[in-house]
C-alpha atoms as a PDB file:
ATOM      1  CA  MET A   1     -11.770 -16.741   2.662  1.00  0.00           C
ATOM      2  CA  SER A   2     -11.127 -13.445   0.916  1.00  0.00           C
ATOM      3  CA  GLN A   3      -8.272 -11.328   2.161  1.00  0.00           C
ATOM      4  CA  GLU A   4      -7.908  -7.662   1.408  1.00  0.00           C
ATOM      5  CA  LEU A   5      -5.212  -5.090   1.873  1.00  0.00           C
ATOM      6  CA  TYR A   6      -5.829  -2.504   4.578  1.00  0.00           C
ATOM      7  CA  PHE A   7      -3.714   0.615   4.586  1.00  0.00           C
ATOM      8  CA  TYR A   8      -2.189   2.350   7.588  1.00  0.00           C
ATOM      9  CA  LYS A   9      -0.171   5.473   8.241  1.00  0.00           C
ATOM     10  CA  GLN A  10       2.638   4.794  10.670  1.00  0.00           C
ATOM     11  CA  LYS A  11       2.765   7.194  13.613  1.00  0.00           C
ATOM     12  CA  ILE A  12       6.058   5.931  15.048  1.00  0.00           C
ATOM     13  CA  LEU A  13       8.336   8.302  13.152  1.00  0.00           C
ATOM     14  CA  LYS A  14       7.247  11.850  12.433  1.00  0.00           C
ATOM     15  CA  ASP A  15       7.229  13.373   8.955  1.00  0.00           C
ATOM     16  CA  ASN A  16      10.553  15.167   9.439  1.00  0.00           C
ATOM     17  CA  ALA A  17      12.287  11.902  10.429  1.00  0.00           C
ATOM     18  CA  ALA A  18      10.814  10.149   7.401  1.00  0.00           C
ATOM     19  CA  LYS A  19      12.217  12.890   5.163  1.00  0.00           C
ATOM     20  CA  ILE A  20      15.827  12.215   6.155  1.00  0.00           C
ATOM     21  CA  LEU A  21      15.708   8.431   6.558  1.00  0.00           C
ATOM     22  CA  SER A  22      15.598   5.964   3.698  1.00  0.00           C
ATOM     23  CA  GLU A  23      12.683   3.602   3.239  1.00  0.00           C
ATOM     24  CA  GLU A  24      14.897   0.735   4.431  1.00  0.00           C
ATOM     25  CA  GLU A  25      15.967   2.612   7.578  1.00  0.00           C
ATOM     26  CA  ILE A  26      12.365   3.407   8.476  1.00  0.00           C
ATOM     27  CA  TYR A  27      11.259  -0.168   7.938  1.00  0.00           C
ATOM     28  CA  GLU A  28      14.155  -1.613   9.939  1.00  0.00           C
ATOM     29  CA  ALA A  29      13.412   0.778  12.829  1.00  0.00           C
ATOM     30  CA  VAL A  30       9.746  -0.246  12.865  1.00  0.00           C
ATOM     31  CA  LYS A  31      10.662  -3.935  12.666  1.00  0.00           C
ATOM     32  CA  VAL A  32      13.075  -3.629  15.605  1.00  0.00           C
ATOM     33  CA  LEU A  33      10.521  -1.760  17.726  1.00  0.00           C
ATOM     34  CA  LEU A  34       7.776  -4.283  17.005  1.00  0.00           C
ATOM     35  CA  ALA A  35       9.797  -7.500  16.811  1.00  0.00           C
ATOM     36  CA  LYS A  36       7.941  -9.120  19.699  1.00  0.00           C
ATOM     37  CA  ARG A  37       4.507  -7.606  19.152  1.00  0.00           C
ATOM     38  CA  ASN A  38       1.522  -9.170  17.451  1.00  0.00           C
ATOM     39  CA  LEU A  39      -0.331  -6.207  15.986  1.00  0.00           C
ATOM     40  CA  ASP A  40      -3.241  -8.402  14.951  1.00  0.00           C
ATOM     41  CA  ASN A  41      -3.948  -9.333  18.582  1.00  0.00           C
ATOM     42  CA  GLU A  42      -2.749  -6.156  20.295  1.00  0.00           C
ATOM     43  CA  SER A  43      -5.197  -3.629  18.916  1.00  0.00           C
ATOM     44  CA  SER A  44      -4.305  -0.963  21.499  1.00  0.00           C
ATOM     45  CA  VAL A  45      -0.644  -1.065  20.410  1.00  0.00           C
ATOM     46  CA  ARG A  46      -1.664  -1.054  16.746  1.00  0.00           C
ATOM     47  CA  ASP A  47      -3.993   1.901  17.262  1.00  0.00           C
ATOM     48  CA  ARG A  48      -1.296   3.935  19.012  1.00  0.00           C
ATOM     49  CA  LEU A  49       1.373   3.268  16.398  1.00  0.00           C
ATOM     50  CA  PHE A  50      -0.692   3.127  13.208  1.00  0.00           C
ATOM     51  CA  GLN A  51      -3.705   5.005  11.920  1.00  0.00           C
ATOM     52  CA  GLU A  52      -5.947   3.209   9.465  1.00  0.00           C
ATOM     53  CA  VAL A  53      -6.337   5.136   6.223  1.00  0.00           C
ATOM     54  CA  GLU A  54     -10.029   5.747   5.659  1.00  0.00           C
ATOM     55  CA  LEU A  55     -10.883   4.904   2.058  1.00  0.00           C
ATOM     56  CA  GLU A  56     -14.186   5.746   0.402  1.00  0.00           C
ATOM     57  CA  SER A  57     -14.434   2.964  -2.166  1.00  0.00           C
ATOM     58  CA  LEU A  58     -11.110   1.360  -2.961  1.00  0.00           C
ATOM     59  CA  GLN A  59     -10.771  -2.318  -2.109  1.00  0.00           C
ATOM     60  CA  ILE A  60      -7.762  -4.372  -3.114  1.00  0.00           C
ATOM     61  CA  SER A  61      -7.648  -8.138  -2.955  1.00  0.00           C
ATOM     62  CA  ALA A  62      -4.525  -9.864  -1.702  1.00  0.00           C
ATOM     63  CA  TYR A  63      -5.261 -12.602  -4.241  1.00  0.00           C
ATOM     64  CA  SER A  64      -4.703 -10.645  -7.434  1.00  0.00           C
ATOM     65  CA  PRO A  65      -1.841 -12.408  -9.263  1.00  0.00           C
ATOM     66  CA  GLU A  66       0.704  -9.566  -9.123  1.00  0.00           C
ATOM     67  CA  ILE A  67       0.046  -8.799  -5.465  1.00  0.00           C
ATOM     68  CA  GLU A  68      -0.045 -12.431  -4.378  1.00  0.00           C
ATOM     69  CA  THR A  69       3.298 -13.107  -6.089  1.00  0.00           C
ATOM     70  CA  LEU A  70       4.904 -10.174  -4.278  1.00  0.00           C
ATOM     71  CA  LEU A  71       3.460 -11.287  -0.949  1.00  0.00           C
ATOM     72  CA  GLU A  72       5.040 -14.696  -1.440  1.00  0.00           C
ATOM     73  CA  LYS A  73       8.452 -13.551  -2.704  1.00  0.00           C
ATOM     74  CA  ASP A  74       9.157  -9.864  -2.097  1.00  0.00           C
ATOM     75  CA  ILE A  75       7.529  -8.776   1.146  1.00  0.00           C
ATOM     76  CA  GLN A  76       9.109  -8.907   4.582  1.00  0.00           C
ATOM     77  CA  PHE A  77       6.510  -8.688   7.306  1.00  0.00           C
ATOM     78  CA  ILE A  78       7.276  -6.683  10.461  1.00  0.00           C
ATOM     79  CA  ASN A  79       7.646  -9.971  12.332  1.00  0.00           C
ATOM     80  CA  PRO A  80       6.525 -13.608  11.966  1.00  0.00           C
ATOM     81  CA  GLN A  81       3.354 -12.996  14.007  1.00  0.00           C
ATOM     82  CA  SER A  82       2.244 -10.040  11.919  1.00  0.00           C
ATOM     83  CA  ARG A  83       0.645  -9.448   8.544  1.00  0.00           C
ATOM     84  CA  PHE A  84       1.874  -5.812   8.540  1.00  0.00           C
ATOM     85  CA  PHE A  85       4.518  -4.596   6.129  1.00  0.00           C
ATOM     86  CA  MET A  86       5.775  -1.333   4.718  1.00  0.00           C
ATOM     87  CA  MET A  87       4.758  -0.444   1.187  1.00  0.00           C
ATOM     88  CA  ASN A  88       7.667  -0.865  -1.206  1.00  0.00           C
ATOM     89  CA  LYS A  89       8.139   0.191  -4.821  1.00  0.00           C
ATOM     90  CA  ASN A  90       7.233  -3.181  -6.341  1.00  0.00           C
ATOM     91  CA  MET A  91       4.037  -3.476  -4.313  1.00  0.00           C
ATOM     92  CA  TRP A  92       3.100   0.126  -5.125  1.00  0.00           C
ATOM     93  CA  ILE A  93       3.436  -0.608  -8.862  1.00  0.00           C
ATOM     94  CA  ALA A  94       1.301  -3.741  -8.444  1.00  0.00           C
ATOM     95  CA  ILE A  95      -1.357  -1.758  -6.578  1.00  0.00           C
ATOM     96  CA  LYS A  96      -1.407   0.938  -9.264  1.00  0.00           C
ATOM     97  CA  PHE A  97      -1.807  -1.804 -11.879  1.00  0.00           C
ATOM     98  CA  TYR A  98      -4.641  -3.319  -9.820  1.00  0.00           C
ATOM     99  CA  ILE A  99      -6.417   0.040  -9.583  1.00  0.00           C
ATOM    100  CA  ILE A 100      -6.046   0.666 -13.311  1.00  0.00           C
ATOM    101  CA  SER A 101      -7.215  -2.790 -14.320  1.00  0.00           C
ATOM    102  CA  HIS A 102     -10.204  -2.804 -11.951  1.00  0.00           C
ATOM    103  CA  TYR A 103     -11.379   0.800 -11.916  1.00  0.00           C
ATOM    104  CA  ILE A 104     -10.537   2.355 -15.310  1.00  0.00           C
ATOM    105  CA  LYS A 105     -12.269   1.515 -18.549  1.00  0.00           C
ATOM    106  CA  VAL A 106      -9.719   1.259 -21.355  1.00  0.00           C
ATOM    107  CA  ASN A 107     -11.524   1.399 -24.699  1.00  0.00           C
ATOM    108  CA  ASP A 108      -8.924   0.191 -27.151  1.00  0.00           C
ATOM    109  CA  GLY A 109      -8.448  -3.248 -25.570  1.00  0.00           C
ATOM    110  CA  SER A 110      -4.675  -2.845 -25.541  1.00  0.00           C
ATOM    111  CA  LYS A 111      -2.550  -4.659 -22.998  1.00  0.00           C
ATOM    112  CA  LEU A 112      -1.272  -2.531 -20.126  1.00  0.00           C
ATOM    113  CA  ASP A 113       2.516  -2.316 -19.923  1.00  0.00           C
ATOM    114  CA  THR A 114       3.355  -2.310 -16.204  1.00  0.00           C
ATOM    115  CA  GLU A 115       6.944  -1.321 -17.007  1.00  0.00           C
ATOM    116  CA  ASN A 116       5.851   1.898 -18.731  1.00  0.00           C
ATOM    117  CA  SER A 117       5.431   4.400 -15.898  1.00  0.00           C
ATOM    118  CA  ASN A 118       4.293   7.151 -18.304  1.00  0.00           C
ATOM    119  CA  GLU A 119       1.385   4.992 -19.457  1.00  0.00           C
ATOM    120  CA  ILE A 120       0.438   4.129 -15.873  1.00  0.00           C
ATOM    121  CA  ASP A 121       0.599   7.787 -14.818  1.00  0.00           C
ATOM    122  CA  HIS A 122      -1.566   8.773 -17.797  1.00  0.00           C
ATOM    123  CA  LEU A 123      -4.173   6.170 -16.864  1.00  0.00           C
ATOM    124  CA  ILE A 124      -4.141   7.260 -13.228  1.00  0.00           C
ATOM    125  CA  LYS A 125      -5.053  10.752 -14.461  1.00  0.00           C
ATOM    126  CA  LYS A 126      -8.015   9.225 -16.323  1.00  0.00           C
ATOM    127  CA  LEU A 127      -9.116   7.747 -13.031  1.00  0.00           C
ATOM    128  CA  LYS A 128     -10.069  11.194 -11.736  1.00  0.00           C
ATOM    129  CA  GLN A 129     -12.558  11.618 -14.581  1.00  0.00           C
ATOM    130  CA  GLN A 130     -13.959   8.101 -14.578  1.00  0.00           C
ATOM    131  CA  ASN A 131     -14.047   7.334 -10.879  1.00  0.00           C
ATOM    132  CA  PRO A 132     -13.527  10.345  -8.563  1.00  0.00           C
ATOM    133  CA  GLU A 133     -13.966   8.392  -5.305  1.00  0.00           C
ATOM    134  CA  ILE A 134     -11.305   5.862  -6.256  1.00  0.00           C
ATOM    135  CA  SER A 135      -9.096   8.712  -7.458  1.00  0.00           C
ATOM    136  CA  HIS A 136      -9.435  10.380  -4.060  1.00  0.00           C
ATOM    137  CA  ASP A 137      -8.505   7.132  -2.300  1.00  0.00           C
ATOM    138  CA  TYR A 138      -5.545   6.662  -4.636  1.00  0.00           C
ATOM    139  CA  SER A 139      -4.340  10.211  -3.929  1.00  0.00           C
ATOM    140  CA  LYS A 140      -4.381   9.563  -0.167  1.00  0.00           C
ATOM    141  CA  LEU A 141      -2.341   6.396  -0.567  1.00  0.00           C
ATOM    142  CA  ASN A 142       0.050   7.961  -3.068  1.00  0.00           C
ATOM    143  CA  LYS A 143       0.788  10.860  -0.711  1.00  0.00           C
ATOM    144  CA  LEU A 144       1.531   8.524   2.208  1.00  0.00           C
ATOM    145  CA  TYR A 145       3.659   6.279   0.000  1.00  0.00           C
ATOM    146  CA  ASN A 146       5.735   9.249  -1.167  1.00  0.00           C
ATOM    147  CA  GLN A 147       6.179  10.319   2.473  1.00  0.00           C
ATOM    148  CA  LYS A 148       7.396   6.784   3.358  1.00  0.00           C
ATOM    149  CA  MET A 149       4.570   6.463   5.891  1.00  0.00           C
ATOM    150  CA  LEU A 150       2.373   3.806   4.241  1.00  0.00           C
ATOM    151  CA  PHE A 151       2.006   0.333   5.712  1.00  0.00           C
ATOM    152  CA  ILE A 152      -0.291  -2.519   4.756  1.00  0.00           C
ATOM    153  CA  ASN A 153      -2.043  -5.140   6.816  1.00  0.00           C
ATOM    154  CA  ILE A 154      -3.560  -8.219   5.207  1.00  0.00           C
ATOM    155  CA  GLN A 155      -6.910  -9.094   6.754  1.00  0.00           C
END
């Protein structure tokens, strides 16, 4: 069974609260509020607290090696009943790598250095020329990530 990442904007804390709180503080607050909730089964609660990010074309598999490794070792879900978690830096880098490797044609056959943020940023700019729909989706996610509002659900 294929599982994909679905992206959500949290509506629990407003933008101005997210500006002054750290990523960890936001995530801990959300985890405390939802400790006893199963967002997969309680769709009305999920819909009131999270808004699904509408993407035109971007699909990301939970089974890509970098993402799967992070899911096993680096991600803390909101609670044991949930497959929701807040986007963190390591996952964001893995997702950017996924987008680059799946949606950008690199002509020279060189190996992508995931540690080189300048190279990744340069390739993301190429995305706009090669695949505008994916670029638009990426821009939505990037904005929410930078605002500390981006959550993921594995479905």
